[in-house]
Protein backbone atom coordinates (compact mmCIF):
# COMPACT_ATOMS: atom_id res chain seq x y z
CA UNK A 1 110.23 112.59 127.33
CA UNK A 2 111.81 112.08 123.93
CA UNK A 3 110.59 114.49 121.26
CA UNK A 4 108.57 112.61 118.65
CA UNK A 5 109.22 113.79 115.11
CA UNK A 6 106.41 111.90 113.34
CA UNK A 7 104.14 114.89 112.76
CA UNK A 8 107.11 117.05 111.81
CA UNK A 9 108.24 114.54 109.20
CA UNK A 10 104.77 114.26 107.72
CA UNK A 11 104.37 118.00 107.54
CA UNK A 12 107.75 118.38 105.91
CA UNK A 13 106.85 115.86 103.23
CA UNK A 14 103.72 117.79 102.30
CA UNK A 15 106.04 120.43 100.91
CA UNK A 16 107.94 117.95 98.74
CA UNK A 17 107.23 118.60 95.09
CA UNK A 18 108.74 115.40 93.69
CA UNK A 19 109.16 111.80 94.73
CA UNK A 20 112.49 110.03 95.26
CA UNK A 21 112.93 106.31 94.82
CA UNK A 22 115.59 104.01 96.23
CA UNK A 23 115.81 100.36 95.20
CA UNK A 24 117.44 98.04 97.72
CA UNK A 25 116.87 94.30 97.96
CA UNK A 26 113.43 94.62 96.42
CA UNK A 27 112.50 97.44 98.79
CA UNK A 28 111.34 100.78 97.46
CA UNK A 29 111.50 103.88 99.60
CA UNK A 30 108.85 106.31 98.39
CA UNK A 31 109.11 109.93 99.49
CA UNK A 32 105.59 111.30 99.18
CA UNK A 33 102.96 113.11 101.18
CA UNK A 34 101.39 109.93 102.54
CA UNK A 35 102.47 106.36 103.23
CA UNK A 36 102.46 104.12 100.17
CA UNK A 37 100.00 101.23 100.25
CA UNK A 38 100.43 97.57 99.37
CA UNK A 39 100.62 96.33 95.83
CA UNK A 40 98.63 93.29 94.70
CA UNK A 41 99.37 90.63 92.04
CA UNK A 42 98.55 91.51 88.46
CA UNK A 43 99.63 93.89 85.73
CA UNK A 44 100.67 97.41 86.80
CA UNK A 45 97.74 99.79 86.70
CA UNK A 46 97.23 103.43 87.51
CA UNK A 47 98.88 105.10 90.47
CA UNK A 48 96.56 106.79 92.96
CA UNK A 49 97.90 109.82 94.80
CA UNK A 50 96.86 112.96 96.67
CA UNK A 51 97.54 116.19 94.79
CA UNK A 52 97.00 119.90 95.33
CA UNK A 53 94.47 121.41 92.89
CA UNK A 54 95.04 125.03 93.89
CA UNK A 55 92.47 124.95 96.69
CA UNK A 56 92.90 121.68 98.56
CA UNK A 57 94.20 118.13 98.27
CA UNK A 58 92.27 115.82 95.95
CA UNK A 59 92.68 112.18 94.93
CA UNK A 60 94.03 111.58 91.43
CA UNK A 61 95.03 108.58 89.35
CA UNK A 62 97.69 108.59 86.67
CA UNK A 63 99.42 106.12 84.38
CA UNK A 64 102.97 105.15 85.37
CA UNK A 65 104.22 106.93 82.23
CA UNK A 66 102.55 110.16 83.34
CA UNK A 67 99.56 110.10 81.00
CA UNK A 68 95.81 110.01 81.58
CA UNK A 69 95.83 112.01 84.80
CA UNK A 70 92.31 111.82 86.26
CA UNK A 71 90.88 113.85 89.14
CA UNK A 72 88.91 111.27 91.14
CA UNK A 73 87.56 113.46 93.95
CA UNK A 74 86.39 116.98 93.32
CA UNK A 75 85.11 118.86 96.34
CA UNK A 76 86.06 121.71 98.64
CA UNK A 77 87.68 119.63 101.35
CA UNK A 78 90.99 117.82 101.77
CA UNK A 79 91.40 114.24 100.54
CA UNK A 80 94.54 112.19 101.15
CA UNK A 81 96.15 108.78 101.75
CA UNK A 82 94.55 106.77 98.90
CA UNK A 83 94.67 102.96 99.00
CA UNK A 84 93.45 100.63 96.25
CA UNK A 85 91.27 97.63 97.00
CA UNK A 86 92.87 94.31 95.96
CA UNK A 87 90.76 94.12 92.79
CA UNK A 88 91.50 97.82 92.04
CA UNK A 89 87.78 98.57 91.69
CA UNK A 90 87.70 100.90 94.69
CA UNK A 91 89.97 103.46 96.30
CA UNK A 92 89.79 104.13 100.03
CA UNK A 93 91.04 107.47 101.34
CA UNK A 94 90.82 109.97 104.20
CA UNK A 95 88.52 112.90 103.52
CA UNK A 96 87.67 116.02 105.53
CA UNK A 97 83.88 116.36 105.94
CA UNK A 98 83.97 119.87 107.37
CA UNK A 99 84.22 118.70 110.96
CA UNK A 100 86.64 115.79 111.07
CA UNK A 101 88.45 113.22 108.93
CA UNK A 102 86.46 110.23 107.68
CA UNK A 103 87.29 107.12 105.66
CA UNK A 104 85.67 107.12 102.23
CA UNK A 105 85.65 104.77 99.26
CA UNK A 106 85.16 105.79 95.66
CA UNK A 107 85.31 104.24 92.20
CA UNK A 108 88.60 104.97 90.39
CA UNK A 109 86.50 106.82 87.80
CA UNK A 110 85.11 109.13 90.45
CA UNK A 111 81.63 107.73 91.09
CA UNK A 112 79.87 106.02 94.00
CA UNK A 113 81.60 107.87 96.83
CA UNK A 114 80.73 106.40 100.23
CA UNK A 115 81.45 107.67 103.73
CA UNK A 116 82.49 104.44 105.40
CA UNK A 117 83.15 105.56 108.97
CA UNK A 118 80.61 108.43 109.12
CA UNK A 119 81.02 109.51 112.74
CA UNK A 120 82.15 112.51 114.76
CA UNK A 121 85.77 111.49 115.32
CA UNK A 122 88.89 111.62 113.18
CA UNK A 123 89.64 108.55 111.02
CA UNK A 124 92.74 108.35 108.83
CA UNK A 125 95.25 106.11 106.98
CA UNK A 126 92.97 103.42 105.42
CA UNK A 127 94.42 100.11 104.31
CA UNK A 128 92.52 97.26 102.63
CA UNK A 129 92.84 93.68 103.83
CA UNK A 130 94.32 91.28 101.25
CA UNK A 131 90.89 89.78 100.50
CA UNK A 132 89.22 93.19 100.33
CA UNK A 133 86.59 92.44 102.97
CA UNK A 134 87.94 94.87 105.60
CA UNK A 135 89.59 98.27 105.80
CA UNK A 136 92.03 98.93 108.64
CA UNK A 137 92.53 102.54 109.70
CA UNK A 138 93.59 104.82 112.57
CA UNK A 139 90.67 106.27 114.50
CA UNK A 140 90.39 108.73 117.37
CA UNK A 141 88.25 107.31 120.17
CA UNK A 142 88.10 110.47 122.26
CA UNK A 143 91.18 109.62 124.30
CA UNK A 144 93.78 108.51 121.79
CA UNK A 145 94.21 106.95 118.35
CA UNK A 146 93.56 103.22 117.95
CA UNK A 147 93.63 100.80 115.03
CA UNK A 148 90.18 99.81 113.80
CA UNK A 149 88.78 97.56 111.10
CA UNK A 150 85.48 98.07 109.30
CA UNK A 151 83.62 96.62 106.35
CA UNK A 152 84.08 98.67 103.15
CA UNK A 153 80.33 99.33 103.07
CA UNK A 154 80.42 100.67 106.63
CA UNK A 155 78.60 99.14 109.56
CA UNK A 156 80.07 98.00 112.86
CA UNK A 157 83.72 98.81 113.41
CA UNK A 158 86.14 96.84 115.57
CA UNK A 159 88.69 98.48 117.85
CA UNK A 160 91.68 96.19 117.36
CA UNK A 161 94.28 97.81 119.62
CA UNK A 162 91.73 99.16 122.14
CA UNK A 163 93.84 100.96 124.70
CA UNK A 164 93.42 104.27 126.49
CA UNK A 165 97.01 105.31 126.93
CA UNK A 166 98.90 105.25 123.62
CA UNK A 167 98.41 106.42 120.04
CA UNK A 168 98.40 103.82 117.24
CA UNK A 169 98.89 104.84 113.60
CA UNK A 170 99.58 103.57 110.09
CA UNK A 171 98.14 100.02 109.94
CA UNK A 172 99.52 97.56 107.40
CA UNK A 173 97.98 94.11 106.82
CA UNK A 174 100.20 91.04 106.66
CA UNK A 175 99.79 89.16 103.36
CA UNK A 176 97.79 86.42 105.09
CA UNK A 177 95.33 88.97 106.43
CA UNK A 178 95.40 87.72 110.03
CA UNK A 179 97.93 90.24 111.40
CA UNK A 180 98.27 94.00 111.30
CA UNK A 181 101.52 95.90 111.82
CA UNK A 182 101.33 99.47 113.06
CA UNK A 183 103.26 102.26 114.76
CA UNK A 184 102.42 102.66 118.44
CA UNK A 185 103.59 105.19 121.00
CA UNK A 186 104.52 103.89 124.47
CA UNK A 187 104.79 107.44 125.91
CA UNK A 188 108.55 107.35 125.40
CA UNK A 189 108.91 106.75 121.68
CA UNK A 190 107.28 105.07 118.68
CA UNK A 191 107.69 101.33 118.13
CA UNK A 192 106.48 98.84 115.55
CA UNK A 193 103.88 96.43 116.85
CA UNK A 194 101.94 93.54 115.39
CA UNK A 195 98.52 92.36 116.51
CA UNK A 196 95.97 89.81 115.37
CA UNK A 197 93.00 91.28 113.57
CA UNK A 198 90.80 89.98 116.40
CA UNK A 199 92.77 92.11 118.85
CA UNK A 200 94.90 89.41 120.51
CA UNK A 201 98.60 88.58 120.50
CA UNK A 202 99.95 92.13 120.54
CA UNK A 203 103.73 92.15 120.13
CA UNK A 204 106.24 94.97 120.47
CA UNK A 205 108.52 94.16 117.53
CA UNK A 206 111.20 96.87 117.61
CA UNK A 207 111.23 97.88 121.31
CA UNK A 208 114.17 100.31 121.38
CA UNK A 209 114.90 103.95 122.21
CA UNK A 210 114.32 105.34 118.71
CA UNK A 211 111.14 106.27 116.85
CA UNK A 212 110.08 103.37 114.62
CA UNK A 213 107.20 104.23 112.27
CA UNK A 214 105.57 103.48 108.91
CA UNK A 215 105.66 99.65 108.77
CA UNK A 216 105.38 97.75 105.49
CA UNK A 217 105.16 93.94 105.32
CA UNK A 218 107.20 92.06 102.74
CA UNK A 219 105.15 90.05 100.21
CA UNK A 220 106.12 86.84 102.04
CA UNK A 221 105.13 88.27 105.41
CA UNK A 222 108.49 87.24 106.85
CA UNK A 223 109.86 90.77 107.28
CA UNK A 224 108.60 94.25 108.05
CA UNK A 225 110.26 97.34 106.60
CA UNK A 226 109.97 100.50 108.66
CA UNK A 227 111.52 103.89 109.41
CA UNK A 228 114.12 103.88 112.19
CA UNK A 229 114.48 107.44 113.47
CA UNK A 230 116.99 108.06 116.28
CA UNK A 231 116.63 111.82 115.77
CA UNK A 232 119.10 114.42 114.55
CA UNK A 233 117.58 114.48 111.06
CA UNK A 234 118.73 111.01 110.08
CA UNK A 235 115.81 108.63 109.72
CA UNK A 236 116.80 105.40 107.96
CA UNK A 237 114.98 102.42 106.45
CA UNK A 238 115.39 99.13 108.31
CA UNK A 239 113.63 95.80 108.19
CA UNK A 240 113.02 93.24 110.90
CA UNK A 241 111.36 89.87 111.40
CA UNK A 242 107.85 89.99 112.88
CA UNK A 243 109.18 88.18 115.95
CA UNK A 244 111.63 91.04 116.56
CA UNK A 245 114.81 89.36 115.36
CA UNK A 246 117.16 90.05 112.49
CA UNK A 247 116.96 93.85 112.36
CA UNK A 248 118.77 94.94 109.19
CA UNK A 249 119.59 98.50 108.01
CA UNK A 250 118.80 99.23 104.36
CA UNK A 251 119.75 102.88 103.95
CA UNK A 252 122.70 104.50 105.70
CA UNK A 253 123.22 108.19 105.00
CA UNK A 254 122.89 111.58 106.65
CA UNK A 255 119.36 112.47 105.54
CA UNK A 256 115.80 111.35 106.25
CA UNK A 257 114.55 108.28 104.34
CA UNK A 258 110.83 107.72 104.84
CA UNK A 259 107.72 105.76 103.85
CA UNK A 260 109.09 102.35 102.82
CA UNK A 261 107.01 100.35 100.37
CA UNK A 262 107.91 96.70 99.90
CA UNK A 263 107.09 95.59 96.38
CA UNK A 264 107.38 92.17 94.74
CA UNK A 265 109.69 91.01 91.96
């Protein structure tokens, strides 16, 4: 079976002390500890990120010019993968509760923290729907990782991918909010899939012999950027149509390019 480098790449990025940016056809490649989340219309606001405070990872916000750095979470456990709500009034993130990873929300000023998932399994990589009424995330169901959605205030969750044989990570909502792209493992490698938020219409978009991870929809929803990783330390950024056609390389070098983030002009 092909060696999957996803965990290795993520672990390597945790040691990166600075971020690198590459602009190409409106696509930004952000090298950071966690996948970048979608941007929403409006004036640029603060950047949320996960930073080491000397003891563990905490969620911070900072102005794009580097000023007004604010520590949002402040506890003795790890917090990572922040994602703003569309109205920027909440930040969702993955937090360690002492036993497992949970999805939390918190005000950007640090108040009103809520454990959204609040269970005994690992939940990671939150991502708000475009209308802010749902959070998609990767959850461990006891057998493997699936893509779930849940209301931001908690309550009943929905297992969207709902399989017992493959791991599904890194959900990304389409701009219309009816589809989710994600990275799924078919026991041979990682591919990019799309699925309706109700769980139907699953499609294997990339379907090749490389590892394809970290999907990011374009603002129009007509393309998906992702990491194409054939191995040998040379992961590149590609994009593809949601129907699987028109695969296009963006970067082409001899180093790893990771975590694409498709912004708007």
